[in-house]
Amino acid sequence: MKKIKTIGCEEALKHLLAYLDQELGPAKRRELEHHIEICRTCFSRAEFEKLLKTQLREAGRETVGAAFEEKIKSLLGRF
């Protein structure tokens, strides 16, 4: 079994968003997952970012009322 490289918080946070978007290669993903398992601070940050991504995705699916849409169009028309 290959030993997993230990990374620090700075490197973990640098790659966190790519990890959450499933854009990391297998080696870097394992390093980050290992760090998150042993570091409560980075674990908490990862959980926060996951929750935020979920809420933003869900908010993007909501529709707005016609009055709000007209107000936005009116404001944009002023520029």
PDB file of N, CA and C in Angstrom:
ATOM      1  N   MET A   1       0.838  -1.178   0.000  1.00  0.00           N
ATOM      2  CA  MET A   1       0.000   0.000   0.000  1.00  0.00           C
ATOM      3  C   MET A   1       0.885   1.244   0.000  1.00  0.00           C
ATOM      4  N   LYS A   2       0.573   2.195  -0.849  1.00  0.00           N
ATOM      5  CA  LYS A   2       1.333   3.426  -0.971  1.00  0.00           C
ATOM      6  C   LYS A   2       1.036   4.368   0.188  1.00  0.00           C
ATOM      7  N   LYS A   3       2.093   5.008   0.702  1.00  0.00           N
ATOM      8  CA  LYS A   3       1.915   5.978   1.775  1.00  0.00           C
ATOM      9  C   LYS A   3       1.340   7.272   1.199  1.00  0.00           C
ATOM     10  N   ILE A   4       0.369   7.838   1.890  1.00  0.00           N
ATOM     11  CA  ILE A   4      -0.265   9.080   1.452  1.00  0.00           C
ATOM     12  C   ILE A   4       0.583  10.253   1.934  1.00  0.00           C
ATOM     13  N   LYS A   5       0.898  11.164   1.018  1.00  0.00           N
ATOM     14  CA  LYS A   5       1.658  12.363   1.355  1.00  0.00           C
ATOM     15  C   LYS A   5       0.813  13.225   2.303  1.00  0.00           C
ATOM     16  N   THR A   6       1.459  13.740   3.341  1.00  0.00           N
ATOM     17  CA  THR A   6       0.772  14.618   4.281  1.00  0.00           C
ATOM     18  C   THR A   6       0.893  16.057   3.789  1.00  0.00           C
ATOM     19  N   ILE A   7      -0.250  16.731   3.701  1.00  0.00           N
ATOM     20  CA  ILE A   7      -0.254  18.128   3.278  1.00  0.00           C
ATOM     21  C   ILE A   7      -0.725  18.992   4.448  1.00  0.00           C
ATOM     22  N   GLY A   8      -0.405  20.270   4.389  1.00  0.00           N
ATOM     23  CA  GLY A   8      -0.814  21.202   5.426  1.00  0.00           C
ATOM     24  C   GLY A   8      -2.124  21.885   5.083  1.00  0.00           C
ATOM     25  N   CYS A   9      -2.600  22.671   6.022  1.00  0.00           N
ATOM     26  CA  CYS A   9      -3.881  23.361   5.850  1.00  0.00           C
ATOM     27  C   CYS A   9      -3.875  24.295   4.643  1.00  0.00           C
ATOM     28  N   GLU A  10      -2.795  25.020   4.445  1.00  0.00           N
ATOM     29  CA  GLU A  10      -2.745  25.971   3.335  1.00  0.00           C
ATOM     30  C   GLU A  10      -2.935  25.261   1.996  1.00  0.00           C
ATOM     31  N   GLU A  11      -2.236  24.155   1.814  1.00  0.00           N
ATOM     32  CA  GLU A  11      -2.387  23.408   0.559  1.00  0.00           C
ATOM     33  C   GLU A  11      -3.775  22.775   0.468  1.00  0.00           C
ATOM     34  N   ALA A  12      -4.286  22.282   1.580  1.00  0.00           N
ATOM     35  CA  ALA A  12      -5.618  21.668   1.581  1.00  0.00           C
ATOM     36  C   ALA A  12      -6.670  22.682   1.145  1.00  0.00           C
ATOM     37  N   LEU A  13      -6.614  23.881   1.715  1.00  0.00           N
ATOM     38  CA  LEU A  13      -7.600  24.907   1.366  1.00  0.00           C
ATOM     39  C   LEU A  13      -7.428  25.383  -0.075  1.00  0.00           C
ATOM     40  N   LYS A  14      -6.196  25.376  -0.552  1.00  0.00           N
ATOM     41  CA  LYS A  14      -5.928  25.775  -1.940  1.00  0.00           C
ATOM     42  C   LYS A  14      -6.639  24.836  -2.929  1.00  0.00           C
ATOM     43  N   HIS A  15      -6.781  23.571  -2.569  1.00  0.00           N
ATOM     44  CA  HIS A  15      -7.370  22.578  -3.466  1.00  0.00           C
ATOM     45  C   HIS A  15      -8.805  22.197  -3.099  1.00  0.00           C
ATOM     46  N   LEU A  16      -9.345  22.804  -2.057  1.00  0.00           N
ATOM     47  CA  LEU A  16     -10.650  22.388  -1.547  1.00  0.00           C
ATOM     48  C   LEU A  16     -11.769  22.525  -2.574  1.00  0.00           C
ATOM     49  N   LEU A  17     -11.859  23.656  -3.249  1.00  0.00           N
ATOM     50  CA  LEU A  17     -12.960  23.846  -4.200  1.00  0.00           C
ATOM     51  C   LEU A  17     -12.845  22.894  -5.387  1.00  0.00           C
ATOM     52  N   ALA A  18     -11.637  22.657  -5.856  1.00  0.00           N
ATOM     53  CA  ALA A  18     -11.451  21.687  -6.946  1.00  0.00           C
ATOM     54  C   ALA A  18     -11.863  20.294  -6.470  1.00  0.00           C
ATOM     55  N   TYR A  19     -11.571  19.982  -5.223  1.00  0.00           N
ATOM     56  CA  TYR A  19     -11.973  18.696  -4.646  1.00  0.00           C
ATOM     57  C   TYR A  19     -13.495  18.571  -4.623  1.00  0.00           C
ATOM     58  N   LEU A  20     -14.153  19.608  -4.139  1.00  0.00           N
ATOM     59  CA  LEU A  20     -15.619  19.564  -4.055  1.00  0.00           C
ATOM     60  C   LEU A  20     -16.266  19.498  -5.433  1.00  0.00           C
ATOM     61  N   ASP A  21     -15.599  20.041  -6.437  1.00  0.00           N
ATOM     62  CA  ASP A  21     -16.100  19.978  -7.811  1.00  0.00           C
ATOM     63  C   ASP A  21     -15.629  18.716  -8.529  1.00  0.00           C
ATOM     64  N   GLN A  22     -14.971  17.817  -7.797  1.00  0.00           N
ATOM     65  CA  GLN A  22     -14.455  16.551  -8.316  1.00  0.00           C
ATOM     66  C   GLN A  22     -13.507  16.774  -9.490  1.00  0.00           C
ATOM     67  N   GLU A  23     -12.621  17.754  -9.337  1.00  0.00           N
ATOM     68  CA  GLU A  23     -11.673  18.102 -10.386  1.00  0.00           C
ATOM     69  C   GLU A  23     -10.230  17.742 -10.027  1.00  0.00           C
ATOM     70  N   LEU A  24     -10.026  17.045  -8.921  1.00  0.00           N
ATOM     71  CA  LEU A  24      -8.668  16.653  -8.527  1.00  0.00           C
ATOM     72  C   LEU A  24      -8.352  15.252  -9.028  1.00  0.00           C
ATOM     73  N   GLY A  25      -7.084  15.039  -9.326  1.00  0.00           N
ATOM     74  CA  GLY A  25      -6.637  13.697  -9.680  1.00  0.00           C
ATOM     75  C   GLY A  25      -6.661  12.801  -8.457  1.00  0.00           C
ATOM     76  N   PRO A  26      -6.522  11.503  -8.656  1.00  0.00           N
ATOM     77  CA  PRO A  26      -6.635  10.553  -7.541  1.00  0.00           C
ATOM     78  C   PRO A  26      -5.631  10.778  -6.411  1.00  0.00           C
ATOM     79  N   ALA A  27      -4.376  11.067  -6.736  1.00  0.00           N
ATOM     80  CA  ALA A  27      -3.359  11.242  -5.695  1.00  0.00           C
ATOM     81  C   ALA A  27      -3.656  12.473  -4.843  1.00  0.00           C
ATOM     82  N   LYS A  28      -3.939  13.595  -5.473  1.00  0.00           N
ATOM     83  CA  LYS A  28      -4.221  14.834  -4.737  1.00  0.00           C
ATOM     84  C   LYS A  28      -5.519  14.685  -3.942  1.00  0.00           C
ATOM     85  N   ARG A  29      -6.507  13.982  -4.511  1.00  0.00           N
ATOM     86  CA  ARG A  29      -7.769  13.744  -3.805  1.00  0.00           C
ATOM     87  C   ARG A  29      -7.520  12.956  -2.520  1.00  0.00           C
ATOM     88  N   ARG A  30      -6.694  11.908  -2.602  1.00  0.00           N
ATOM     89  CA  ARG A  30      -6.383  11.106  -1.408  1.00  0.00           C
ATOM     90  C   ARG A  30      -5.649  11.943  -0.363  1.00  0.00           C
ATOM     91  N   GLU A  31      -4.716  12.776  -0.809  1.00  0.00           N
ATOM     92  CA  GLU A  31      -3.995  13.640   0.124  1.00  0.00           C
ATOM     93  C   GLU A  31      -4.959  14.577   0.855  1.00  0.00           C
ATOM     94  N   LEU A  32      -5.856  15.167   0.109  1.00  0.00           N
ATOM     95  CA  LEU A  32      -6.808  16.108   0.704  1.00  0.00           C
ATOM     96  C   LEU A  32      -7.769  15.387   1.643  1.00  0.00           C
ATOM     97  N   GLU A  33      -8.274  14.242   1.225  1.00  0.00           N
ATOM     98  CA  GLU A  33      -9.183  13.479   2.086  1.00  0.00           C
ATOM     99  C   GLU A  33      -8.489  13.056   3.374  1.00  0.00           C
ATOM    100  N   HIS A  34      -7.221  12.663   3.261  1.00  0.00           N
ATOM    101  CA  HIS A  34      -6.462  12.282   4.456  1.00  0.00           C
ATOM    102  C   HIS A  34      -6.324  13.487   5.391  1.00  0.00           C
ATOM    103  N   HIS A  35      -6.003  14.640   4.834  1.00  0.00           N
ATOM    104  CA  HIS A  35      -5.854  15.845   5.663  1.00  0.00           C
ATOM    105  C   HIS A  35      -7.173  16.191   6.352  1.00  0.00           C
ATOM    106  N   ILE A  36      -8.264  16.130   5.615  1.00  0.00           N
ATOM    107  CA  ILE A  36      -9.576  16.457   6.177  1.00  0.00           C
ATOM    108  C   ILE A  36      -9.952  15.489   7.302  1.00  0.00           C
ATOM    109  N   GLU A  37      -9.499  14.242   7.183  1.00  0.00           N
ATOM    110  CA  GLU A  37      -9.783  13.259   8.231  1.00  0.00           C
ATOM    111  C   GLU A  37      -9.070  13.584   9.537  1.00  0.00           C
ATOM    112  N   ILE A  38      -7.896  14.212   9.450  1.00  0.00           N
ATOM    113  CA  ILE A  38      -7.113  14.450  10.662  1.00  0.00           C
ATOM    114  C   ILE A  38      -7.167  15.899  11.152  1.00  0.00           C
ATOM    115  N   CYS A  39      -7.689  16.812  10.342  1.00  0.00           N
ATOM    116  CA  CYS A  39      -7.716  18.230  10.719  1.00  0.00           C
ATOM    117  C   CYS A  39      -9.165  18.698  10.868  1.00  0.00           C
ATOM    118  N   ARG A  40      -9.569  18.965  12.085  1.00  0.00           N
ATOM    119  CA  ARG A  40     -10.952  19.376  12.343  1.00  0.00           C
ATOM    120  C   ARG A  40     -11.272  20.727  11.709  1.00  0.00           C
ATOM    121  N   THR A  41     -10.303  21.626  11.666  1.00  0.00           N
ATOM    122  CA  THR A  41     -10.533  22.944  11.086  1.00  0.00           C
ATOM    123  C   THR A  41     -10.847  22.820   9.597  1.00  0.00           C
ATOM    124  N   CYS A  42     -10.040  22.067   8.877  1.00  0.00           N
ATOM    125  CA  CYS A  42     -10.272  21.903   7.435  1.00  0.00           C
ATOM    126  C   CYS A  42     -11.511  21.054   7.162  1.00  0.00           C
ATOM    127  N   PHE A  43     -11.780  20.086   8.052  1.00  0.00           N
ATOM    128  CA  PHE A  43     -13.010  19.302   7.923  1.00  0.00           C
ATOM    129  C   PHE A  43     -14.227  20.223   8.019  1.00  0.00           C
ATOM    130  N   SER A  44     -14.200  21.114   9.015  1.00  0.00           N
ATOM    131  CA  SER A  44     -15.316  22.051   9.198  1.00  0.00           C
ATOM    132  C   SER A  44     -15.460  22.959   7.981  1.00  0.00           C
ATOM    133  N   ARG A  45     -14.354  23.431   7.451  1.00  0.00           N
ATOM    134  CA  ARG A  45     -14.393  24.303   6.272  1.00  0.00           C
ATOM    135  C   ARG A  45     -14.955  23.546   5.073  1.00  0.00           C
ATOM    136  N   ALA A  46     -14.545  22.292   4.899  1.00  0.00           N
ATOM    137  CA  ALA A  46     -15.046  21.481   3.787  1.00  0.00           C
ATOM    138  C   ALA A  46     -16.555  21.268   3.916  1.00  0.00           C
ATOM    139  N   GLU A  47     -17.013  20.988   5.118  1.00  0.00           N
ATOM    140  CA  GLU A  47     -18.445  20.790   5.336  1.00  0.00           C
ATOM    141  C   GLU A  47     -19.218  22.081   5.059  1.00  0.00           C
ATOM    142  N   PHE A  48     -18.682  23.216   5.498  1.00  0.00           N
ATOM    143  CA  PHE A  48     -19.314  24.505   5.231  1.00  0.00           C
ATOM    144  C   PHE A  48     -19.417  24.754   3.729  1.00  0.00           C
ATOM    145  N   GLU A  49     -18.323  24.535   3.005  1.00  0.00           N
ATOM    146  CA  GLU A  49     -18.311  24.769   1.561  1.00  0.00           C
ATOM    147  C   GLU A  49     -19.278  23.831   0.837  1.00  0.00           C
ATOM    148  N   LYS A  50     -19.368  22.578   1.281  1.00  0.00           N
ATOM    149  CA  LYS A  50     -20.329  21.629   0.683  1.00  0.00           C
ATOM    150  C   LYS A  50     -21.756  22.128   0.865  1.00  0.00           C
ATOM    151  N   LEU A  51     -22.070  22.557   2.084  1.00  0.00           N
ATOM    152  CA  LEU A  51     -23.407  23.059   2.387  1.00  0.00           C
ATOM    153  C   LEU A  51     -23.709  24.311   1.571  1.00  0.00           C
ATOM    154  N   LEU A  52     -22.756  25.211   1.480  1.00  0.00           N
ATOM    155  CA  LEU A  52     -22.928  26.434   0.700  1.00  0.00           C
ATOM    156  C   LEU A  52     -23.189  26.118  -0.767  1.00  0.00           C
ATOM    157  N   LYS A  53     -22.418  25.201  -1.345  1.00  0.00           N
ATOM    158  CA  LYS A  53     -22.617  24.817  -2.750  1.00  0.00           C
ATOM    159  C   LYS A  53     -24.025  24.242  -2.955  1.00  0.00           C
ATOM    160  N   THR A  54     -24.475  23.434  -2.022  1.00  0.00           N
ATOM    161  CA  THR A  54     -25.811  22.839  -2.119  1.00  0.00           C
ATOM    162  C   THR A  54     -26.880  23.918  -2.066  1.00  0.00           C
ATOM    163  N   GLN A  55     -26.754  24.844  -1.127  1.00  0.00           N
ATOM    164  CA  GLN A  55     -27.753  25.904  -0.994  1.00  0.00           C
ATOM    165  C   GLN A  55     -27.761  26.827  -2.210  1.00  0.00           C
ATOM    166  N   LEU A  56     -26.597  27.140  -2.742  1.00  0.00           N
ATOM    167  CA  LEU A  56     -26.536  27.987  -3.942  1.00  0.00           C
ATOM    168  C   LEU A  56     -27.163  27.283  -5.150  1.00  0.00           C
ATOM    169  N   ARG A  57     -26.889  25.984  -5.266  1.00  0.00           N
ATOM    170  CA  ARG A  57     -27.469  25.209  -6.369  1.00  0.00           C
ATOM    171  C   ARG A  57     -28.995  25.211  -6.260  1.00  0.00           C
ATOM    172  N   GLU A  58     -29.508  25.014  -5.063  1.00  0.00           N
ATOM    173  CA  GLU A  58     -30.959  24.993  -4.859  1.00  0.00           C
ATOM    174  C   GLU A  58     -31.568  26.377  -5.074  1.00  0.00           C
ATOM    175  N   ALA A  59     -30.878  27.423  -4.638  1.00  0.00           N
ATOM    176  CA  ALA A  59     -31.386  28.785  -4.817  1.00  0.00           C
ATOM    177  C   ALA A  59     -31.468  29.141  -6.297  1.00  0.00           C
ATOM    178  N   GLY A  60     -30.553  28.609  -7.087  1.00  0.00           N
ATOM    179  CA  GLY A  60     -30.556  28.875  -8.523  1.00  0.00           C
ATOM    180  C   GLY A  60     -31.739  28.256  -9.255  1.00  0.00           C
ATOM    181  N   ARG A  61     -32.417  27.346  -8.605  1.00  0.00           N
ATOM    182  CA  ARG A  61     -33.568  26.673  -9.223  1.00  0.00           C
ATOM    183  C   ARG A  61     -34.890  27.372  -8.926  1.00  0.00           C
ATOM    184  N   GLU A  62     -34.853  28.310  -8.001  1.00  0.00           N
ATOM    185  CA  GLU A  62     -36.079  29.009  -7.615  1.00  0.00           C
ATOM    186  C   GLU A  62     -36.464  30.018  -8.695  1.00  0.00           C
ATOM    187  N   THR A  63     -37.758  30.222  -8.833  1.00  0.00           N
ATOM    188  CA  THR A  63     -38.243  31.224  -9.783  1.00  0.00           C
ATOM    189  C   THR A  63     -38.617  32.486  -9.012  1.00  0.00           C
ATOM    190  N   VAL A  64     -38.562  33.595  -9.700  1.00  0.00           N
ATOM    191  CA  VAL A  64     -38.928  34.868  -9.070  1.00  0.00           C
ATOM    192  C   VAL A  64     -40.271  35.321  -9.623  1.00  0.00           C
ATOM    193  N   GLY A  65     -40.939  36.158  -8.851  1.00  0.00           N
ATOM    194  CA  GLY A  65     -42.230  36.671  -9.281  1.00  0.00           C
ATOM    195  C   GLY A  65     -42.075  37.693 -10.397  1.00  0.00           C
ATOM    196  N   ALA A  66     -43.150  37.920 -11.102  1.00  0.00           N
ATOM    197  CA  ALA A  66     -43.148  38.867 -12.220  1.00  0.00           C
ATOM    198  C   ALA A  66     -42.815  40.283 -11.761  1.00  0.00           C
ATOM    199  N   ALA A  67     -43.302  40.678 -10.595  1.00  0.00           N
ATOM    200  CA  ALA A  67     -43.039  42.034 -10.090  1.00  0.00           C
ATOM    201  C   ALA A  67     -41.543  42.237  -9.841  1.00  0.00           C
ATOM    202  N   PHE A  68     -40.906  41.237  -9.270  1.00  0.00           N
ATOM    203  CA  PHE A  68     -39.472  41.332  -9.018  1.00  0.00           C
ATOM    204  C   PHE A  68     -38.701  41.394 -10.335  1.00  0.00           C
ATOM    205  N   GLU A  69     -39.095  40.567 -11.269  1.00  0.00           N
ATOM    206  CA  GLU A  69     -38.434  40.552 -12.578  1.00  0.00           C
ATOM    207  C   GLU A  69     -38.570  41.909 -13.266  1.00  0.00           C
ATOM    208  N   GLU A  70     -39.744  42.520 -13.209  1.00  0.00           N
ATOM    209  CA  GLU A  70     -39.948  43.834 -13.820  1.00  0.00           C
ATOM    210  C   GLU A  70     -39.116  44.908 -13.130  1.00  0.00           C
ATOM    211  N   LYS A  71     -38.999  44.818 -11.812  1.00  0.00           N
ATOM    212  CA  LYS A  71     -38.193  45.789 -11.073  1.00  0.00           C
ATOM    213  C   LYS A  71     -36.721  45.696 -11.501  1.00  0.00           C
ATOM    214  N   ILE A  72     -36.222  44.502 -11.640  1.00  0.00           N
ATOM    215  CA  ILE A  72     -34.830  44.300 -12.080  1.00  0.00           C
ATOM    216  C   ILE A  72     -34.644  44.850 -13.491  1.00  0.00           C
ATOM    217  N   LYS A  73     -35.569  44.562 -14.375  1.00  0.00           N
ATOM    218  CA  LYS A  73     -35.485  45.069 -15.755  1.00  0.00           C
ATOM    219  C   LYS A  73     -35.501  46.600 -15.758  1.00  0.00           C
ATOM    220  N   SER A  74     -36.326  47.177 -14.915  1.00  0.00           N
ATOM    221  CA  SER A  74     -36.405  48.629 -14.816  1.00  0.00           C
ATOM    222  C   SER A  74     -35.087  49.222 -14.335  1.00  0.00           C
ATOM    223  N   LEU A  75     -34.520  48.607 -13.311  1.00  0.00           N
ATOM    224  CA  LEU A  75     -33.230  49.076 -12.782  1.00  0.00           C
ATOM    225  C   LEU A  75     -32.124  48.936 -13.828  1.00  0.00           C
ATOM    226  N   LEU A  76     -32.114  47.834 -14.533  1.00  0.00           N
ATOM    227  CA  LEU A  76     -31.101  47.633 -15.569  1.00  0.00           C
ATOM    228  C   LEU A  76     -31.285  48.618 -16.729  1.00  0.00           C
ATOM    229  N   GLY A  77     -32.533  48.961 -17.010  1.00  0.00           N
ATOM    230  CA  GLY A  77     -32.822  49.897 -18.082  1.00  0.00           C
ATOM    231  C   GLY A  77     -32.266  51.302 -17.809  1.00  0.00           C
ATOM    232  N   ARG A  78     -32.079  51.622 -16.539  1.00  0.00           N
ATOM    233  CA  ARG A  78     -31.533  52.935 -16.166  1.00  0.00           C
ATOM    234  C   ARG A  78     -30.040  53.055 -16.498  1.00  0.00           C
ATOM    235  N   PHE A  79     -29.389  51.932 -16.651  1.00  0.00           N
ATOM    236  CA  PHE A  79     -27.951  51.948 -16.940  1.00  0.00           C
ATOM    237  C   PHE A  79     -27.792  51.877 -18.410  1.00  0.00           C
TER     238      PHE A  79
END
